[in-house]
Amino acid sequence: GGDLLDAELSPAGKALTAFQCIHYALTRPGVASVMVG
């Protein structure tokens, strides 16, 4: 929901980039497409 891209909101404690989030999803087994909001 955008939280991972914001250091203050990210539950990971640190901001990630959109590219990193997309790449993470696409490297999970079975994943074909990421529906971006």
PDB file of all heavy atoms in Angstrom:
ATOM      1  N   GLY A   1       0.803  -1.213   0.000  1.00  0.00           N
ATOM      2  CA  GLY A   1       0.000   0.000   0.000  1.00  0.00           C
ATOM      3  C   GLY A   1       0.833   1.259   0.000  1.00  0.00           C
ATOM      4  O   GLY A   1       0.351   2.338   0.351  1.00  0.00           O
ATOM      5  N   GLY A   2       2.089   1.138  -0.386  1.00  0.00           N
ATOM      6  CA  GLY A   2       3.004   2.282  -0.415  1.00  0.00           C
ATOM      7  C   GLY A   2       3.853   2.411   0.829  1.00  0.00           C
ATOM      8  O   GLY A   2       4.858   3.132   0.840  1.00  0.00           O
ATOM      9  N   ASP A   3       3.488   1.686   1.888  1.00  0.00           N
ATOM     10  CA  ASP A   3       4.213   1.817   3.161  1.00  0.00           C
ATOM     11  C   ASP A   3       5.670   1.387   3.040  1.00  0.00           C
ATOM     12  O   ASP A   3       6.557   1.968   3.679  1.00  0.00           O
ATOM     13  CB  ASP A   3       3.534   0.982   4.252  1.00  0.00           C
ATOM     14  CG  ASP A   3       2.246   1.621   4.756  1.00  0.00           C
ATOM     15  OD1 ASP A   3       1.890   2.711   4.239  1.00  0.00           O
ATOM     16  OD2 ASP A   3       1.597   1.047   5.642  1.00  0.00           O
ATOM     17  N   LEU A   4       5.942   0.351   2.235  1.00  0.00           N
ATOM     18  CA  LEU A   4       7.311  -0.151   2.135  1.00  0.00           C
ATOM     19  C   LEU A   4       8.257   0.856   1.484  1.00  0.00           C
ATOM     20  O   LEU A   4       9.476   0.756   1.637  1.00  0.00           O
ATOM     21  CB  LEU A   4       7.343  -1.460   1.340  1.00  0.00           C
ATOM     22  CG  LEU A   4       6.720  -2.678   2.010  1.00  0.00           C
ATOM     23  CD1 LEU A   4       6.755  -3.871   1.080  1.00  0.00           C
ATOM     24  CD2 LEU A   4       7.406  -3.007   3.312  1.00  0.00           C
ATOM     25  N   LEU A   5       7.684   1.820   0.787  1.00  0.00           N
ATOM     26  CA  LEU A   5       8.504   2.817   0.087  1.00  0.00           C
ATOM     27  C   LEU A   5       8.795   4.038   0.954  1.00  0.00           C
ATOM     28  O   LEU A   5       9.516   4.940   0.523  1.00  0.00           O
ATOM     29  CB  LEU A   5       7.794   3.257  -1.203  1.00  0.00           C
ATOM     30  CG  LEU A   5       7.290   2.140  -2.123  1.00  0.00           C
ATOM     31  CD1 LEU A   5       6.630   2.739  -3.353  1.00  0.00           C
ATOM     32  CD2 LEU A   5       8.420   1.198  -2.512  1.00  0.00           C
ATOM     33  N   ASP A   6       8.269   4.057   2.174  1.00  0.00           N
ATOM     34  CA  ASP A   6       8.401   5.198   3.083  1.00  0.00           C
ATOM     35  C   ASP A   6       9.110   4.744   4.355  1.00  0.00           C
ATOM     36  O   ASP A   6       8.615   3.862   5.061  1.00  0.00           O
ATOM     37  CB  ASP A   6       7.009   5.746   3.409  1.00  0.00           C
ATOM     38  CG  ASP A   6       7.032   7.031   4.207  1.00  0.00           C
ATOM     39  OD1 ASP A   6       7.816   7.115   5.169  1.00  0.00           O
ATOM     40  OD2 ASP A   6       6.247   7.949   3.889  1.00  0.00           O
ATOM     41  N   ALA A   7      10.251   5.331   4.656  1.00  0.00           N
ATOM     42  CA  ALA A   7      11.049   4.910   5.818  1.00  0.00           C
ATOM     43  C   ALA A   7      10.261   5.013   7.118  1.00  0.00           C
ATOM     44  O   ALA A   7      10.430   4.193   8.028  1.00  0.00           O
ATOM     45  CB  ALA A   7      12.325   5.742   5.909  1.00  0.00           C
ATOM     46  N   GLU A   8       9.395   6.005   7.227  1.00  0.00           N
ATOM     47  CA  GLU A   8       8.640   6.193   8.474  1.00  0.00           C
ATOM     48  C   GLU A   8       7.490   5.202   8.604  1.00  0.00           C
ATOM     49  O   GLU A   8       7.100   4.846   9.714  1.00  0.00           O
ATOM     50  CB  GLU A   8       8.101   7.627   8.541  1.00  0.00           C
ATOM     51  CG  GLU A   8       9.199   8.681   8.704  1.00  0.00           C
ATOM     52  CD  GLU A   8       8.616  10.068   8.912  1.00  0.00           C
ATOM     53  OE1 GLU A   8       7.372  10.184   9.037  1.00  0.00           O
ATOM     54  OE2 GLU A   8       9.394  11.032   8.936  1.00  0.00           O
ATOM     55  N   LEU A   9       6.951   4.753   7.491  1.00  0.00           N
ATOM     56  CA  LEU A   9       5.800   3.851   7.522  1.00  0.00           C
ATOM     57  C   LEU A   9       6.174   2.383   7.352  1.00  0.00           C
ATOM     58  O   LEU A   9       5.407   1.503   7.729  1.00  0.00           O
ATOM     59  CB  LEU A   9       4.807   4.239   6.415  1.00  0.00           C
ATOM     60  CG  LEU A   9       4.193   5.641   6.499  1.00  0.00           C
ATOM     61  CD1 LEU A   9       3.319   5.895   5.275  1.00  0.00           C
ATOM     62  CD2 LEU A   9       3.385   5.806   7.775  1.00  0.00           C
ATOM     63  N   SER A  10       7.347   2.118   6.797  1.00  0.00           N
ATOM     64  CA  SER A  10       7.711   0.743   6.464  1.00  0.00           C
ATOM     65  C   SER A  10       7.829  -0.137   7.702  1.00  0.00           C
ATOM     66  O   SER A  10       8.588   0.170   8.623  1.00  0.00           O
ATOM     67  CB  SER A  10       9.050   0.716   5.718  1.00  0.00           C
ATOM     68  OG  SER A  10       9.463  -0.623   5.511  1.00  0.00           O
ATOM     69  N   PRO A  11       7.094  -1.254   7.745  1.00  0.00           N
ATOM     70  CA  PRO A  11       7.226  -2.183   8.866  1.00  0.00           C
ATOM     71  C   PRO A  11       8.589  -2.865   8.904  1.00  0.00           C
ATOM     72  O   PRO A  11       8.939  -3.496   9.903  1.00  0.00           O
ATOM     73  CB  PRO A  11       6.103  -3.195   8.635  1.00  0.00           C
ATOM     74  CG  PRO A  11       5.776  -3.094   7.195  1.00  0.00           C
ATOM     75  CD  PRO A  11       6.056  -1.677   6.794  1.00  0.00           C
ATOM     76  N   ALA A  12       9.365  -2.723   7.823  1.00  0.00           N
ATOM     77  CA  ALA A  12      10.713  -3.293   7.800  1.00  0.00           C
ATOM     78  C   ALA A  12      11.706  -2.409   8.559  1.00  0.00           C
ATOM     79  O   ALA A  12      12.835  -2.814   8.809  1.00  0.00           O
ATOM     80  CB  ALA A  12      11.185  -3.481   6.367  1.00  0.00           C
ATOM     81  N   GLY A  13      11.272  -1.190   8.887  1.00  0.00           N
ATOM     82  CA  GLY A  13      12.159  -0.277   9.603  1.00  0.00           C
ATOM     83  C   GLY A  13      13.046   0.536   8.687  1.00  0.00           C
ATOM     84  O   GLY A  13      13.898   1.297   9.147  1.00  0.00           O
ATOM     85  N   LYS A  14      12.856   0.372   7.384  1.00  0.00           N
ATOM     86  CA  LYS A  14      13.697   1.054   6.410  1.00  0.00           C
ATOM     87  C   LYS A  14      12.959   1.065   5.081  1.00  0.00           C
ATOM     88  O   LYS A  14      12.246   0.121   4.754  1.00  0.00           O
ATOM     89  CB  LYS A  14      15.025   0.303   6.270  1.00  0.00           C
ATOM     90  CG  LYS A  14      16.047   0.929   5.338  1.00  0.00           C
ATOM     91  CD  LYS A  14      17.324   0.080   5.356  1.00  0.00           C
ATOM     92  CE  LYS A  14      18.373   0.630   4.400  1.00  0.00           C
ATOM     93  NZ  LYS A  14      19.613  -0.205   4.423  1.00  0.00           N
ATOM     94  N   ALA A  15      13.111   2.137   4.320  1.00  0.00           N
ATOM     95  CA  ALA A  15      12.435   2.215   3.027  1.00  0.00           C
ATOM     96  C   ALA A  15      13.087   1.290   2.012  1.00  0.00           C
ATOM     97  O   ALA A  15      14.306   1.138   1.979  1.00  0.00           O
ATOM     98  CB  ALA A  15      12.454   3.649   2.512  1.00  0.00           C
ATOM     99  N   LEU A  16      12.258   0.675   1.189  1.00  0.00           N
ATOM    100  CA  LEU A  16      12.721  -0.094   0.042  1.00  0.00           C
ATOM    101  C   LEU A  16      12.340   0.672  -1.211  1.00  0.00           C
ATOM    102  O   LEU A  16      11.528   1.600  -1.163  1.00  0.00           O
ATOM    103  CB  LEU A  16      12.074  -1.478   0.028  1.00  0.00           C
ATOM    104  CG  LEU A  16      12.374  -2.369   1.232  1.00  0.00           C
ATOM    105  CD1 LEU A  16      11.510  -3.620   1.188  1.00  0.00           C
ATOM    106  CD2 LEU A  16      13.846  -2.733   1.277  1.00  0.00           C
ATOM    107  N   THR A  17      12.919   0.317  -2.331  1.00  0.00           N
ATOM    108  CA  THR A  17      12.562   0.962  -3.586  1.00  0.00           C
ATOM    109  C   THR A  17      11.482   0.149  -4.294  1.00  0.00           C
ATOM    110  O   THR A  17      11.311  -1.050  -4.033  1.00  0.00           O
ATOM    111  CB  THR A  17      13.775   1.098  -4.518  1.00  0.00           C
ATOM    112  OG1 THR A  17      14.154  -0.215  -4.980  1.00  0.00           O
ATOM    113  CG2 THR A  17      14.948   1.756  -3.801  1.00  0.00           C
ATOM    114  N   ALA A  18      10.773   0.804  -5.205  1.00  0.00           N
ATOM    115  CA  ALA A  18       9.757   0.094  -5.988  1.00  0.00           C
ATOM    116  C   ALA A  18      10.386  -1.043  -6.785  1.00  0.00           C
ATOM    117  O   ALA A  18       9.817  -2.136  -6.883  1.00  0.00           O
ATOM    118  CB  ALA A  18       9.047   1.077  -6.926  1.00  0.00           C
ATOM    119  N   PHE A  19      11.578  -0.803  -7.343  1.00  0.00           N
ATOM    120  CA  PHE A  19      12.246  -1.857  -8.112  1.00  0.00           C
ATOM    121  C   PHE A  19      12.542  -3.072  -7.240  1.00  0.00           C
ATOM    122  O   PHE A  19      12.395  -4.216  -7.669  1.00  0.00           O
ATOM    123  CB  PHE A  19      13.544  -1.333  -8.717  1.00  0.00           C
ATOM    124  CG  PHE A  19      13.377  -0.294  -9.789  1.00  0.00           C
ATOM    125  CD1 PHE A  19      14.480   0.403 -10.263  1.00  0.00           C
ATOM    126  CD2 PHE A  19      12.131  -0.014 -10.334  1.00  0.00           C
ATOM    127  CE1 PHE A  19      14.353   1.361 -11.254  1.00  0.00           C
ATOM    128  CE2 PHE A  19      11.978   0.944 -11.329  1.00  0.00           C
ATOM    129  CZ  PHE A  19      13.093   1.637 -11.786  1.00  0.00           C
ATOM    130  N   GLN A  20      13.007  -2.844  -6.001  1.00  0.00           N
ATOM    131  CA  GLN A  20      13.316  -3.956  -5.107  1.00  0.00           C
ATOM    132  C   GLN A  20      12.055  -4.750  -4.762  1.00  0.00           C
ATOM    133  O   GLN A  20      12.081  -5.986  -4.736  1.00  0.00           O
ATOM    134  CB  GLN A  20      13.970  -3.429  -3.827  1.00  0.00           C
ATOM    135  CG  GLN A  20      15.388  -2.927  -4.037  1.00  0.00           C
ATOM    136  CD  GLN A  20      15.930  -2.157  -2.847  1.00  0.00           C
ATOM    137  OE1 GLN A  20      15.168  -1.651  -2.010  1.00  0.00           O
ATOM    138  NE2 GLN A  20      17.247  -2.044  -2.763  1.00  0.00           N
ATOM    139  N   CYS A  21      10.950  -4.057  -4.519  1.00  0.00           N
ATOM    140  CA  CYS A  21       9.697  -4.744  -4.189  1.00  0.00           C
ATOM    141  C   CYS A  21       9.187  -5.561  -5.376  1.00  0.00           C
ATOM    142  O   CYS A  21       8.737  -6.705  -5.208  1.00  0.00           O
ATOM    143  CB  CYS A  21       8.640  -3.732  -3.759  1.00  0.00           C
ATOM    144  SG  CYS A  21       8.991  -2.901  -2.191  1.00  0.00           S
ATOM    145  N   ILE A  22       9.239  -4.978  -6.563  1.00  0.00           N
ATOM    146  CA  ILE A  22       8.791  -5.698  -7.761  1.00  0.00           C
ATOM    147  C   ILE A  22       9.673  -6.919  -8.003  1.00  0.00           C
ATOM    148  O   ILE A  22       9.178  -8.019  -8.289  1.00  0.00           O
ATOM    149  CB  ILE A  22       8.808  -4.766  -8.989  1.00  0.00           C
ATOM    150  CG1 ILE A  22       7.740  -3.678  -8.857  1.00  0.00           C
ATOM    151  CG2 ILE A  22       8.586  -5.564 -10.283  1.00  0.00           C
ATOM    152  CD1 ILE A  22       7.842  -2.577  -9.910  1.00  0.00           C
ATOM    153  N   HIS A  23      10.985  -6.740  -7.867  1.00  0.00           N
ATOM    154  CA  HIS A  23      11.905  -7.845  -8.135  1.00  0.00           C
ATOM    155  C   HIS A  23      11.729  -8.963  -7.112  1.00  0.00           C
ATOM    156  O   HIS A  23      11.775 -10.152  -7.468  1.00  0.00           O
ATOM    157  CB  HIS A  23      13.344  -7.331  -8.108  1.00  0.00           C
ATOM    158  CG  HIS A  23      14.327  -8.246  -8.776  1.00  0.00           C
ATOM    159  ND1 HIS A  23      14.143  -8.742 -10.049  1.00  0.00           N
ATOM    160  CD2 HIS A  23      15.511  -8.771  -8.339  1.00  0.00           C
ATOM    161  CE1 HIS A  23      15.152  -9.530 -10.367  1.00  0.00           C
ATOM    162  NE2 HIS A  23      15.992  -9.569  -9.348  1.00  0.00           N
ATOM    163  N   TYR A  24      11.498  -8.588  -5.865  1.00  0.00           N
ATOM    164  CA  TYR A  24      11.234  -9.605  -4.836  1.00  0.00           C
ATOM    165  C   TYR A  24      10.017 -10.445  -5.242  1.00  0.00           C
ATOM    166  O   TYR A  24      10.061 -11.684  -5.213  1.00  0.00           O
ATOM    167  CB  TYR A  24      10.982  -8.954  -3.481  1.00  0.00           C
ATOM    168  CG  TYR A  24      10.542  -9.952  -2.432  1.00  0.00           C
ATOM    169  CD1 TYR A  24      11.470 -10.767  -1.782  1.00  0.00           C
ATOM    170  CD2 TYR A  24       9.197 -10.116  -2.123  1.00  0.00           C
ATOM    171  CE1 TYR A  24      11.063 -11.713  -0.846  1.00  0.00           C
ATOM    172  CE2 TYR A  24       8.778 -11.048  -1.195  1.00  0.00           C
ATOM    173  CZ  TYR A  24       9.716 -11.851  -0.552  1.00  0.00           C
ATOM    174  OH  TYR A  24       9.305 -12.789   0.366  1.00  0.00           O
ATOM    175  N   ALA A  25       8.926  -9.783  -5.617  1.00  0.00           N
ATOM    176  CA  ALA A  25       7.718 -10.514  -5.985  1.00  0.00           C
ATOM    177  C   ALA A  25       7.966 -11.418  -7.188  1.00  0.00           C
ATOM    178  O   ALA A  25       7.545 -12.582  -7.207  1.00  0.00           O
ATOM    179  CB  ALA A  25       6.585  -9.529  -6.285  1.00  0.00           C
ATOM    180  N   LEU A  26       8.681 -10.905  -8.187  1.00  0.00           N
ATOM    181  CA  LEU A  26       8.891 -11.674  -9.410  1.00  0.00           C
ATOM    182  C   LEU A  26       9.874 -12.829  -9.231  1.00  0.00           C
ATOM    183  O   LEU A  26       9.954 -13.704 -10.106  1.00  0.00           O
ATOM    184  CB  LEU A  26       9.379 -10.748 -10.530  1.00  0.00           C
ATOM    185  CG  LEU A  26       8.313  -9.807 -11.119  1.00  0.00           C
ATOM    186  CD1 LEU A  26       8.951  -8.794 -12.062  1.00  0.00           C
ATOM    187  CD2 LEU A  26       7.219 -10.586 -11.845  1.00  0.00           C
ATOM    188  N   THR A  27      10.607 -12.860  -8.130  1.00  0.00           N
ATOM    189  CA  THR A  27      11.507 -13.994  -7.874  1.00  0.00           C
ATOM    190  C   THR A  27      10.870 -15.047  -6.971  1.00  0.00           C
ATOM    191  O   THR A  27      11.509 -16.042  -6.636  1.00  0.00           O
ATOM    192  CB  THR A  27      12.843 -13.528  -7.264  1.00  0.00           C
ATOM    193  OG1 THR A  27      12.605 -12.668  -6.146  1.00  0.00           O
ATOM    194  CG2 THR A  27      13.695 -12.798  -8.287  1.00  0.00           C
ATOM    195  N   ARG A  28       9.609 -14.855  -6.577  1.00  0.00           N
ATOM    196  CA  ARG A  28       8.908 -15.915  -5.843  1.00  0.00           C
ATOM    197  C   ARG A  28       8.422 -16.966  -6.843  1.00  0.00           C
ATOM    198  O   ARG A  28       7.958 -16.635  -7.944  1.00  0.00           O
ATOM    199  CB  ARG A  28       7.699 -15.372  -5.087  1.00  0.00           C
ATOM    200  CG  ARG A  28       7.950 -14.325  -3.994  1.00  0.00           C
ATOM    201  CD  ARG A  28       9.045 -14.687  -3.038  1.00  0.00           C
ATOM    202  NE  ARG A  28      10.310 -14.124  -3.498  1.00  0.00           N
ATOM    203  CZ  ARG A  28      11.497 -14.518  -3.073  1.00  0.00           C
ATOM    204  NH1 ARG A  28      11.611 -15.514  -2.221  1.00  0.00           N
ATOM    205  NH2 ARG A  28      12.599 -13.936  -3.519  1.00  0.00           N
ATOM    206  N   PRO A  29       8.506 -18.248  -6.483  1.00  0.00           N
ATOM    207  CA  PRO A  29       8.019 -19.295  -7.388  1.00  0.00           C
ATOM    208  C   PRO A  29       6.556 -19.073  -7.765  1.00  0.00           C
ATOM    209  O   PRO A  29       5.728 -18.745  -6.919  1.00  0.00           O
ATOM    210  CB  PRO A  29       8.187 -20.573  -6.547  1.00  0.00           C
ATOM    211  CG  PRO A  29       9.259 -20.246  -5.553  1.00  0.00           C
ATOM    212  CD  PRO A  29       9.073 -18.791  -5.232  1.00  0.00           C
ATOM    213  N   GLY A  30       6.262 -19.243  -9.039  1.00  0.00           N
ATOM    214  CA  GLY A  30       4.880 -19.166  -9.500  1.00  0.00           C
ATOM    215  C   GLY A  30       4.417 -17.797  -9.937  1.00  0.00           C
ATOM    216  O   GLY A  30       3.388 -17.673 -10.605  1.00  0.00           O
ATOM    217  N   VAL A  31       5.150 -16.745  -9.574  1.00  0.00           N
ATOM    218  CA  VAL A  31       4.684 -15.386  -9.875  1.00  0.00           C
ATOM    219  C   VAL A  31       4.902 -15.054 -11.352  1.00  0.00           C
ATOM    220  O   VAL A  31       5.975 -15.291 -11.901  1.00  0.00           O
ATOM    221  CB  VAL A  31       5.392 -14.346  -8.983  1.00  0.00           C
ATOM    222  CG1 VAL A  31       5.133 -12.927  -9.488  1.00  0.00           C
ATOM    223  CG2 VAL A  31       4.920 -14.482  -7.537  1.00  0.00           C
ATOM    224  N   ALA A  32       3.861 -14.482 -11.971  1.00  0.00           N
ATOM    225  CA  ALA A  32       3.936 -14.110 -13.383  1.00  0.00           C
ATOM    226  C   ALA A  32       3.878 -12.602 -13.586  1.00  0.00           C
ATOM    227  O   ALA A  32       4.557 -12.075 -14.467  1.00  0.00           O
ATOM    228  CB  ALA A  32       2.801 -14.779 -14.161  1.00  0.00           C
ATOM    229  N   SER A  33       3.048 -11.894 -12.819  1.00  0.00           N
ATOM    230  CA  SER A  33       2.844 -10.469 -13.065  1.00  0.00           C
ATOM    231  C   SER A  33       2.563  -9.738 -11.763  1.00  0.00           C
ATOM    232  O   SER A  33       1.917 -10.288 -10.861  1.00  0.00           O
ATOM    233  CB  SER A  33       1.667 -10.267 -14.035  1.00  0.00           C
ATOM    234  OG  SER A  33       1.503  -8.907 -14.370  1.00  0.00           O
ATOM    235  N   VAL A  34       3.061  -8.507 -11.667  1.00  0.00           N
ATOM    236  CA  VAL A  34       2.814  -7.654 -10.505  1.00  0.00           C
ATOM    237  C   VAL A  34       1.833  -6.562 -10.913  1.00  0.00           C
ATOM    238  O   VAL A  34       2.123  -5.751 -11.795  1.00  0.00           O
ATOM    239  CB  VAL A  34       4.124  -7.021  -9.982  1.00  0.00           C
ATOM    240  CG1 VAL A  34       3.831  -6.073  -8.826  1.00  0.00           C
ATOM    241  CG2 VAL A  34       5.102  -8.108  -9.548  1.00  0.00           C
ATOM    242  N   MET A  35       0.655  -6.560 -10.282  1.00  0.00           N
ATOM    243  CA  MET A  35      -0.367  -5.551 -10.576  1.00  0.00           C
ATOM    244  C   MET A  35      -0.044  -4.289  -9.783  1.00  0.00           C
ATOM    245  O   MET A  35      -0.298  -4.227  -8.571  1.00  0.00           O
ATOM    246  CB  MET A  35      -1.750  -6.054 -10.162  1.00  0.00           C
ATOM    247  CG  MET A  35      -2.156  -7.390 -10.741  1.00  0.00           C
ATOM    248  SD  MET A  35      -2.579  -7.304 -12.485  1.00  0.00           S
ATOM    249  CE  MET A  35      -1.148  -8.114 -13.165  1.00  0.00           C
ATOM    250  N   VAL A  36       0.520  -3.312 -10.422  1.00  0.00           N
ATOM    251  CA  VAL A  36       0.931  -2.106  -9.706  1.00  0.00           C
ATOM    252  C   VAL A  36      -0.249  -1.152  -9.567  1.00  0.00           C
ATOM    253  O   VAL A  36      -1.032  -0.974 -10.498  1.00  0.00           O
ATOM    254  CB  VAL A  36       2.119  -1.402 -10.404  1.00  0.00           C
ATOM    255  CG1 VAL A  36       3.340  -2.307 -10.397  1.00  0.00           C
ATOM    256  CG2 VAL A  36       1.781  -0.988 -11.830  1.00  0.00           C
ATOM    257  N   GLY A  37      -0.377  -0.567  -8.407  1.00  0.00           N
ATOM    258  CA  GLY A  37      -1.480   0.354  -8.139  1.00  0.00           C
ATOM    259  C   GLY A  37      -1.146   1.750  -8.602  1.00  0.00           C
ATOM    260  O   GLY A  37      -1.030   2.666  -7.783  1.00  0.00           O
TER     261      GLY A  37
END
